[in-house]
Amino acid sequence: MPNKIHIEKLNTNVAVTAASEFRDYAKARPIADKIGLCPKTIRRWANKGFIKRFKLSDRISLYDEKEVHDFIQSSKVGGKSGGAL
C-alpha cells in the first residue's frame, strides 16, 4: 500500500501515536477515491476541525482513514452525533 504511512513521530507539532495503536494515514485523494468523495471535502472537514490533519510540510497533509470513516458514520441521520455535514 504505497499511499499509506504509519506516523510514529514527525516533529514537535504532531502528537506521537502510542505503540499499541497503529493507524493508517493517507493523503486526501486516496481516502476520497475509496469512499466516493472529493478530496476538497476531506480538507474542508479538517479546516472546520471535524477531523485531524497531520501536516508533513506546507504542501503535504495526511489524514487518519478510520477517523474520516468514523466521522461519516457519526454524521449520518440517526448516527452518534447527528448531522455535522
Protein backbone atom coordinates (compact mmCIF):
# COMPACT_ATOMS: atom_id res chain seq x y z
CA MET A 1 0.00 0.00 0.00
CA PRO A 2 2.23 2.81 -1.23
CA ASN A 3 -0.17 5.64 -0.30
CA LYS A 4 -0.30 4.77 3.41
CA ILE A 5 2.16 5.89 6.06
CA HIS A 6 2.34 5.00 9.73
CA ILE A 7 3.17 8.11 11.71
CA GLU A 8 5.31 7.47 14.76
CA LYS A 9 6.89 10.87 15.25
CA LEU A 10 7.10 13.75 12.81
CA ASN A 11 8.07 16.80 14.84
CA THR A 12 7.03 18.74 17.93
CA ASN A 13 3.83 19.94 16.22
CA VAL A 14 2.41 16.44 15.76
CA ALA A 15 1.38 14.05 18.50
CA VAL A 16 3.13 10.70 18.74
CA THR A 17 0.92 7.63 18.34
CA ALA A 18 1.02 5.03 21.08
CA ALA A 19 2.96 1.90 20.20
CA SER A 20 -0.15 -0.23 20.71
CA GLU A 21 -2.25 1.91 18.36
CA PHE A 22 -1.28 1.60 14.70
CA ARG A 23 -3.41 3.69 12.36
CA ASP A 24 -3.39 4.08 8.58
CA TYR A 25 -2.76 7.59 7.31
CA ALA A 26 -3.07 8.74 3.73
CA LYS A 27 -3.42 11.85 1.63
CA ALA A 28 -6.91 13.19 0.95
CA ARG A 29 -7.19 11.85 -2.62
CA PRO A 30 -6.72 8.10 -1.90
CA ILE A 31 -9.18 8.26 1.01
CA ALA A 32 -11.69 10.26 -1.06
CA ASP A 33 -11.39 7.87 -4.01
CA LYS A 34 -12.12 4.89 -1.73
CA ILE A 35 -15.31 6.35 -0.31
CA GLY A 36 -16.52 8.37 -3.29
CA LEU A 37 -15.86 11.91 -2.07
CA CYS A 38 -13.99 14.89 -3.42
CA PRO A 39 -10.58 15.41 -1.71
CA LYS A 40 -11.64 19.02 -1.04
CA THR A 41 -14.38 17.68 1.23
CA ILE A 42 -11.84 15.94 3.45
CA ARG A 43 -9.68 19.09 3.53
CA ARG A 44 -12.72 21.21 4.38
CA TRP A 45 -13.65 18.89 7.28
CA ALA A 46 -10.10 19.25 8.61
CA ASN A 47 -10.28 23.06 8.26
CA LYS A 48 -13.52 23.06 10.29
CA GLY A 49 -11.96 20.81 12.95
CA PHE A 50 -14.18 17.78 12.32
CA ILE A 51 -11.14 15.56 11.63
CA LYS A 52 -7.42 15.92 12.35
CA ARG A 53 -4.81 16.83 9.76
CA PHE A 54 -1.17 15.78 10.13
CA LYS A 55 1.00 18.23 8.19
CA LEU A 56 4.28 16.82 6.93
CA SER A 57 5.12 20.05 5.12
CA ASP A 58 3.36 23.09 3.67
CA ARG A 59 2.14 21.00 0.75
CA ILE A 60 1.66 17.53 2.26
CA SER A 61 -1.05 16.63 4.76
CA LEU A 62 -2.14 13.19 5.92
CA TYR A 63 -5.45 12.10 7.37
CA ASP A 64 -6.46 9.12 9.52
CA GLU A 65 -8.64 6.88 7.33
CA LYS A 66 -10.52 5.46 10.32
CA GLU A 67 -11.24 8.94 11.67
CA VAL A 68 -12.68 10.02 8.30
CA HIS A 69 -14.84 6.88 8.14
CA ASP A 70 -15.99 7.32 11.76
CA PHE A 71 -16.88 10.97 11.10
CA ILE A 72 -19.00 9.98 8.12
CA GLN A 73 -20.79 7.30 10.14
CA SER A 74 -21.45 9.65 13.06
CA SER A 75 -22.77 12.35 10.71
CA LYS A 76 -25.46 10.20 9.13
CA VAL A 77 -29.05 10.71 10.20
CA GLY A 78 -29.55 8.56 13.26
CA GLY A 79 -25.77 8.39 13.82
CA LYS A 80 -23.96 9.05 17.08
CA SER A 81 -23.83 12.85 16.93
CA GLY A 82 -26.45 13.89 14.40
CA GLY A 83 -25.69 15.64 11.10
CA ALA A 84 -22.47 17.66 11.22
CA LEU A 85 -22.07 17.57 7.46
